[in-house]
Amino acid sequence: MIPMLHRSKFISACQLPPNLGVPVSLRYIVWALGAATSVDPSLRAYKDVFYARARRSLAELLDKTLDSLKPHKISTLQSLVLITTYEFLHANFGHAWMNCGRAARMAVYFNLMRLDEPHLFCKQTLVDAKDWIDQEERRRTFWAAFLLDRFASLGTGWAATFNDEDITTFLPGPDDEYQAGVQSLA
């Protein structure tokens, strides 16, 4: 539904400890969304437990890292986007609205709306992208936050966070090329 995670990179990173690979909050929210859509009732029973743990671990992560001078990881925003998605899907609109705003602000903080025309005067708050897959993952994460922001604004009539004139980030490439790790020449 929100194809921002690179499947094989994510699965490989899950084999590492959370401080080196996929953080706990992202693991839990992926599990929560998986459990919520499972046909197995015994797995569906875990969705709320995983969601609560994802929220708690993200809050702990943000408490430790937001004021840090160290660069951040895109996985923090991905956790927040997926938590917001879960909340919208489960009609938890108050939390969804607030977390949607947090996700949009974090996307601005990471300067993701200017990925393809970076402004030299903006502070760099993300670790450097290693390759094309990392850059595409950032692009997809930005557009996921953007779409959630627009969805929330349409549903409430309240103002959106992003100003369209500030966005220079290209639309994502084809999903099959992204998942295969092949950069399109088009």
C-alpha atoms as a PDB file:
ATOM      1  CA  MET A   1       0.000   0.000   0.000  1.00  0.00           C
ATOM      2  CA  ILE A   2       2.868   2.381   0.820  1.00  0.00           C
ATOM      3  CA  PRO A   3       5.871   0.994  -1.076  1.00  0.00           C
ATOM      4  CA  MET A   4       8.607   3.002   0.621  1.00  0.00           C
ATOM      5  CA  LEU A   5      10.570   0.153   2.196  1.00  0.00           C
ATOM      6  CA  HIS A   6      13.027  -1.691  -0.026  1.00  0.00           C
ATOM      7  CA  ARG A   7      11.960  -5.269   0.641  1.00  0.00           C
ATOM      8  CA  SER A   8      15.303  -7.122   0.442  1.00  0.00           C
ATOM      9  CA  LYS A   9      17.233  -4.328   2.198  1.00  0.00           C
ATOM     10  CA  PHE A  10      14.640  -4.294   4.991  1.00  0.00           C
ATOM     11  CA  ILE A  11      14.702  -8.068   5.454  1.00  0.00           C
ATOM     12  CA  SER A  12      18.514  -8.127   5.468  1.00  0.00           C
ATOM     13  CA  ALA A  13      18.652  -5.262   7.979  1.00  0.00           C
ATOM     14  CA  CYS A  14      16.234  -7.152  10.270  1.00  0.00           C
ATOM     15  CA  GLN A  15      18.995  -9.722  10.771  1.00  0.00           C
ATOM     16  CA  LEU A  16      21.139  -7.049  12.449  1.00  0.00           C
ATOM     17  CA  PRO A  17      20.671  -5.705  15.973  1.00  0.00           C
ATOM     18  CA  PRO A  18      18.144  -2.806  16.061  1.00  0.00           C
ATOM     19  CA  ASN A  19      20.868  -0.204  16.696  1.00  0.00           C
ATOM     20  CA  LEU A  20      22.579  -1.207  13.417  1.00  0.00           C
ATOM     21  CA  GLY A  21      19.651  -2.391  11.307  1.00  0.00           C
ATOM     22  CA  VAL A  22      15.915  -1.831  11.477  1.00  0.00           C
ATOM     23  CA  PRO A  23      14.933   0.035  14.658  1.00  0.00           C
ATOM     24  CA  VAL A  24      12.463  -1.567  17.050  1.00  0.00           C
ATOM     25  CA  SER A  25       9.682   0.920  16.241  1.00  0.00           C
ATOM     26  CA  LEU A  26       9.787   0.099  12.532  1.00  0.00           C
ATOM     27  CA  ARG A  27       9.868  -3.643  13.181  1.00  0.00           C
ATOM     28  CA  TYR A  28       6.829  -3.443  15.452  1.00  0.00           C
ATOM     29  CA  ILE A  29       4.707  -1.285  13.153  1.00  0.00           C
ATOM     30  CA  VAL A  30       5.458  -3.522  10.152  1.00  0.00           C
ATOM     31  CA  TRP A  31       4.397  -6.492  12.288  1.00  0.00           C
ATOM     32  CA  ALA A  32       1.259  -4.620  13.431  1.00  0.00           C
ATOM     33  CA  LEU A  33       0.209  -3.878   9.854  1.00  0.00           C
ATOM     34  CA  GLY A  34       0.958  -7.459   8.850  1.00  0.00           C
ATOM     35  CA  ALA A  35      -1.022  -8.854  11.770  1.00  0.00           C
ATOM     36  CA  ALA A  36      -3.926  -6.495  11.024  1.00  0.00           C
ATOM     37  CA  THR A  37      -4.222  -7.870   7.479  1.00  0.00           C
ATOM     38  CA  SER A  38      -3.587 -11.512   8.334  1.00  0.00           C
ATOM     39  CA  VAL A  39      -6.265 -14.094   7.587  1.00  0.00           C
ATOM     40  CA  ASP A  40      -5.143 -15.980  10.693  1.00  0.00           C
ATOM     41  CA  PRO A  41      -7.153 -14.754  13.727  1.00  0.00           C
ATOM     42  CA  SER A  42      -4.379 -15.809  16.123  1.00  0.00           C
ATOM     43  CA  LEU A  43      -1.992 -13.390  14.333  1.00  0.00           C
ATOM     44  CA  ARG A  44      -4.611 -10.620  14.084  1.00  0.00           C
ATOM     45  CA  ALA A  45      -4.861 -10.711  17.872  1.00  0.00           C
ATOM     46  CA  TYR A  46      -1.337  -9.232  18.106  1.00  0.00           C
ATOM     47  CA  LYS A  47      -1.966  -6.130  15.981  1.00  0.00           C
ATOM     48  CA  ASP A  48      -2.775  -3.806  18.881  1.00  0.00           C
ATOM     49  CA  VAL A  49       0.090  -5.117  21.017  1.00  0.00           C
ATOM     50  CA  PHE A  50       2.576  -4.511  18.188  1.00  0.00           C
ATOM     51  CA  TYR A  51       1.071  -1.069  17.498  1.00  0.00           C
ATOM     52  CA  ALA A  52       1.376  -0.040  21.171  1.00  0.00           C
ATOM     53  CA  ARG A  53       4.981  -1.224  21.275  1.00  0.00           C
ATOM     54  CA  ALA A  54       5.767   0.626  18.040  1.00  0.00           C
ATOM     55  CA  ARG A  55       4.373   3.880  19.477  1.00  0.00           C
ATOM     56  CA  ARG A  56       6.257   3.437  22.750  1.00  0.00           C
ATOM     57  CA  SER A  57       9.590   2.591  21.106  1.00  0.00           C
ATOM     58  CA  LEU A  58       9.254   5.482  18.644  1.00  0.00           C
ATOM     59  CA  ALA A  59       8.580   7.883  21.530  1.00  0.00           C
ATOM     60  CA  GLU A  60      11.697   6.608  23.319  1.00  0.00           C
ATOM     61  CA  LEU A  61      13.748   6.931  20.121  1.00  0.00           C
ATOM     62  CA  LEU A  62      12.566  10.498  19.529  1.00  0.00           C
ATOM     63  CA  ASP A  63      13.277  11.454  23.132  1.00  0.00           C
ATOM     64  CA  LYS A  64      16.867  10.270  22.751  1.00  0.00           C
ATOM     65  CA  THR A  65      17.663  11.485  19.249  1.00  0.00           C
ATOM     66  CA  LEU A  66      15.755  14.608  18.193  1.00  0.00           C
ATOM     67  CA  ASP A  67      18.034  17.037  20.018  1.00  0.00           C
ATOM     68  CA  SER A  68      21.133  15.049  19.139  1.00  0.00           C
ATOM     69  CA  LEU A  69      23.799  16.548  16.940  1.00  0.00           C
ATOM     70  CA  LYS A  70      24.186  13.194  15.183  1.00  0.00           C
ATOM     71  CA  PRO A  71      22.437  12.758  11.821  1.00  0.00           C
ATOM     72  CA  HIS A  72      19.159  10.847  11.875  1.00  0.00           C
ATOM     73  CA  LYS A  73      17.970   7.805   9.932  1.00  0.00           C
ATOM     74  CA  ILE A  74      15.086   7.741   7.456  1.00  0.00           C
ATOM     75  CA  SER A  75      13.671   4.756   9.359  1.00  0.00           C
ATOM     76  CA  THR A  76      12.456   7.137  12.087  1.00  0.00           C
ATOM     77  CA  LEU A  77      10.163   8.892   9.626  1.00  0.00           C
ATOM     78  CA  GLN A  78       9.155   5.572   8.066  1.00  0.00           C
ATOM     79  CA  SER A  79       8.032   4.365  11.498  1.00  0.00           C
ATOM     80  CA  LEU A  80       5.970   7.500  11.984  1.00  0.00           C
ATOM     81  CA  VAL A  81       4.386   7.228   8.515  1.00  0.00           C
ATOM     82  CA  LEU A  82       3.401   3.609   9.116  1.00  0.00           C
ATOM     83  CA  ILE A  83       2.094   4.333  12.628  1.00  0.00           C
ATOM     84  CA  THR A  84      -0.050   7.120  11.149  1.00  0.00           C
ATOM     85  CA  THR A  85      -1.275   4.774   8.428  1.00  0.00           C
ATOM     86  CA  TYR A  86      -2.232   2.186  11.044  1.00  0.00           C
ATOM     87  CA  GLU A  87      -4.110   4.840  13.001  1.00  0.00           C
ATOM     88  CA  PHE A  88      -6.067   6.004   9.962  1.00  0.00           C
ATOM     89  CA  LEU A  89      -6.913   2.411   9.033  1.00  0.00           C
ATOM     90  CA  HIS A  90      -8.183   1.749  12.567  1.00  0.00           C
ATOM     91  CA  ALA A  91     -10.179   5.001  12.815  1.00  0.00           C
ATOM     92  CA  ASN A  92      -7.951   6.440  15.529  1.00  0.00           C
ATOM     93  CA  PHE A  93      -8.291   9.870  13.937  1.00  0.00           C
ATOM     94  CA  GLY A  94      -7.009  12.047  16.781  1.00  0.00           C
ATOM     95  CA  HIS A  95      -3.692  10.217  16.973  1.00  0.00           C
ATOM     96  CA  ALA A  96      -3.558   9.925  13.182  1.00  0.00           C
ATOM     97  CA  TRP A  97      -4.009  13.678  12.683  1.00  0.00           C
ATOM     98  CA  MET A  98      -1.311  14.569  15.220  1.00  0.00           C
ATOM     99  CA  ASN A  99       1.154  11.949  13.964  1.00  0.00           C
ATOM    100  CA  CYS A 100       0.494  12.988  10.390  1.00  0.00           C
ATOM    101  CA  GLY A 101       1.598  16.496  11.360  1.00  0.00           C
ATOM    102  CA  ARG A 102       4.676  15.085  13.095  1.00  0.00           C
ATOM    103  CA  ALA A 103       5.526  13.078   9.975  1.00  0.00           C
ATOM    104  CA  ALA A 104       5.172  16.135   7.748  1.00  0.00           C
ATOM    105  CA  ARG A 105       7.340  18.235  10.074  1.00  0.00           C
ATOM    106  CA  MET A 106       9.951  15.497  10.220  1.00  0.00           C
ATOM    107  CA  ALA A 107      10.007  15.344   6.406  1.00  0.00           C
ATOM    108  CA  VAL A 108      10.696  19.094   6.398  1.00  0.00           C
ATOM    109  CA  TYR A 109      13.323  18.656   9.141  1.00  0.00           C
ATOM    110  CA  PHE A 110      15.034  16.041   6.962  1.00  0.00           C
ATOM    111  CA  ASN A 111      14.712  18.392   3.940  1.00  0.00           C
ATOM    112  CA  LEU A 112      13.070  15.593   1.945  1.00  0.00           C
ATOM    113  CA  MET A 113      10.917  17.911  -0.140  1.00  0.00           C
ATOM    114  CA  ARG A 114      14.119  19.175  -1.812  1.00  0.00           C
ATOM    115  CA  LEU A 115      15.913  15.899  -2.493  1.00  0.00           C
ATOM    116  CA  ASP A 116      16.429  16.580  -6.165  1.00  0.00           C
ATOM    117  CA  GLU A 117      17.435  20.216  -5.778  1.00  0.00           C
ATOM    118  CA  PRO A 118      19.079  20.500  -2.374  1.00  0.00           C
ATOM    119  CA  HIS A 119      19.433  23.964  -0.951  1.00  0.00           C
ATOM    120  CA  LEU A 120      22.911  24.606   0.293  1.00  0.00           C
ATOM    121  CA  PHE A 121      21.706  26.675   3.232  1.00  0.00           C
ATOM    122  CA  CYS A 122      19.660  23.877   4.825  1.00  0.00           C
ATOM    123  CA  LYS A 123      21.139  21.972   7.715  1.00  0.00           C
ATOM    124  CA  GLN A 124      21.706  18.299   6.882  1.00  0.00           C
ATOM    125  CA  THR A 125      19.907  16.212   9.483  1.00  0.00           C
ATOM    126  CA  LEU A 126      19.967  12.798   7.760  1.00  0.00           C
ATOM    127  CA  VAL A 127      22.884  10.439   7.322  1.00  0.00           C
ATOM    128  CA  ASP A 128      24.147  10.527   3.755  1.00  0.00           C
ATOM    129  CA  ALA A 129      22.448   8.266   1.228  1.00  0.00           C
ATOM    130  CA  LYS A 130      24.726   5.339   0.350  1.00  0.00           C
ATOM    131  CA  ASP A 131      23.352   4.666  -3.101  1.00  0.00           C
ATOM    132  CA  TRP A 132      20.451   5.042  -5.510  1.00  0.00           C
ATOM    133  CA  ILE A 133      18.262   2.707  -3.435  1.00  0.00           C
ATOM    134  CA  ASP A 134      18.719   4.884  -0.318  1.00  0.00           C
ATOM    135  CA  GLN A 135      17.876   8.001  -2.322  1.00  0.00           C
ATOM    136  CA  GLU A 136      14.781   6.388  -3.838  1.00  0.00           C
ATOM    137  CA  GLU A 137      13.707   5.180  -0.384  1.00  0.00           C
ATOM    138  CA  ARG A 138      13.911   8.765   0.869  1.00  0.00           C
ATOM    139  CA  ARG A 139      11.951   9.994  -2.126  1.00  0.00           C
ATOM    140  CA  ARG A 140       9.218   7.389  -1.506  1.00  0.00           C
ATOM    141  CA  THR A 141       9.130   8.170   2.207  1.00  0.00           C
ATOM    142  CA  PHE A 142       8.647  11.869   1.475  1.00  0.00           C
ATOM    143  CA  TRP A 143       5.785  11.204  -0.924  1.00  0.00           C
ATOM    144  CA  ALA A 144       4.170   8.856   1.618  1.00  0.00           C
ATOM    145  CA  ALA A 145       4.271  11.650   4.231  1.00  0.00           C
ATOM    146  CA  PHE A 146       2.968  14.112   1.629  1.00  0.00           C
ATOM    147  CA  LEU A 147       0.036  11.868   0.694  1.00  0.00           C
ATOM    148  CA  LEU A 148      -0.875  11.277   4.342  1.00  0.00           C
ATOM    149  CA  ASP A 149      -0.793  15.042   4.909  1.00  0.00           C
ATOM    150  CA  ARG A 150      -3.095  15.664   1.941  1.00  0.00           C
ATOM    151  CA  PHE A 151      -5.407  12.801   2.941  1.00  0.00           C
ATOM    152  CA  ALA A 152      -5.718  14.164   6.470  1.00  0.00           C
ATOM    153  CA  SER A 153      -6.371  17.695   5.205  1.00  0.00           C
ATOM    154  CA  LEU A 154      -9.020  16.564   2.737  1.00  0.00           C
ATOM    155  CA  GLY A 155     -10.764  14.597   5.450  1.00  0.00           C
ATOM    156  CA  THR A 156     -10.882  17.492   7.898  1.00  0.00           C
ATOM    157  CA  GLY A 157     -10.783  20.620   5.776  1.00  0.00           C
ATOM    158  CA  TRP A 158      -7.826  21.818   7.827  1.00  0.00           C
ATOM    159  CA  ALA A 159      -4.677  23.249   6.251  1.00  0.00           C
ATOM    160  CA  ALA A 160      -2.034  20.990   4.742  1.00  0.00           C
ATOM    161  CA  THR A 161       1.555  21.234   5.946  1.00  0.00           C
ATOM    162  CA  PHE A 162       3.457  21.212   2.654  1.00  0.00           C
ATOM    163  CA  ASN A 163       3.593  24.161   0.292  1.00  0.00           C
ATOM    164  CA  ASP A 164       3.613  22.786  -3.267  1.00  0.00           C
ATOM    165  CA  GLU A 165       6.044  25.490  -4.466  1.00  0.00           C
ATOM    166  CA  ASP A 166       8.698  24.246  -2.013  1.00  0.00           C
ATOM    167  CA  ILE A 167       8.731  20.696  -3.394  1.00  0.00           C
ATOM    168  CA  THR A 168      11.468  19.761  -5.848  1.00  0.00           C
ATOM    169  CA  THR A 169      11.592  16.047  -5.052  1.00  0.00           C
ATOM    170  CA  PHE A 170      10.877  13.917  -8.098  1.00  0.00           C
ATOM    171  CA  LEU A 171       8.114  11.360  -8.088  1.00  0.00           C
ATOM    172  CA  PRO A 172       9.322   7.822  -7.330  1.00  0.00           C
ATOM    173  CA  GLY A 173      10.415   5.511 -10.109  1.00  0.00           C
ATOM    174  CA  PRO A 174       8.669   2.245 -10.999  1.00  0.00           C
ATOM    175  CA  ASP A 175       8.233  -0.104  -8.043  1.00  0.00           C
ATOM    176  CA  ASP A 176       9.606  -3.166  -9.862  1.00  0.00           C
ATOM    177  CA  GLU A 177      12.852  -1.324 -10.684  1.00  0.00           C
ATOM    178  CA  TYR A 178      13.136  -0.062  -7.111  1.00  0.00           C
ATOM    179  CA  GLN A 179      12.610  -3.490  -5.568  1.00  0.00           C
ATOM    180  CA  ALA A 180      15.059  -5.020  -8.079  1.00  0.00           C
ATOM    181  CA  GLY A 181      17.591  -2.274  -7.300  1.00  0.00           C
ATOM    182  CA  VAL A 182      17.817  -1.188 -10.935  1.00  0.00           C
ATOM    183  CA  GLN A 183      17.953   2.521 -11.652  1.00  0.00           C
ATOM    184  CA  SER A 184      15.900   3.598 -14.660  1.00  0.00           C
ATOM    185  CA  LEU A 185      17.703   5.645 -17.277  1.00  0.00           C
ATOM    186  CA  ALA A 186      14.468   7.396 -18.299  1.00  0.00           C
END
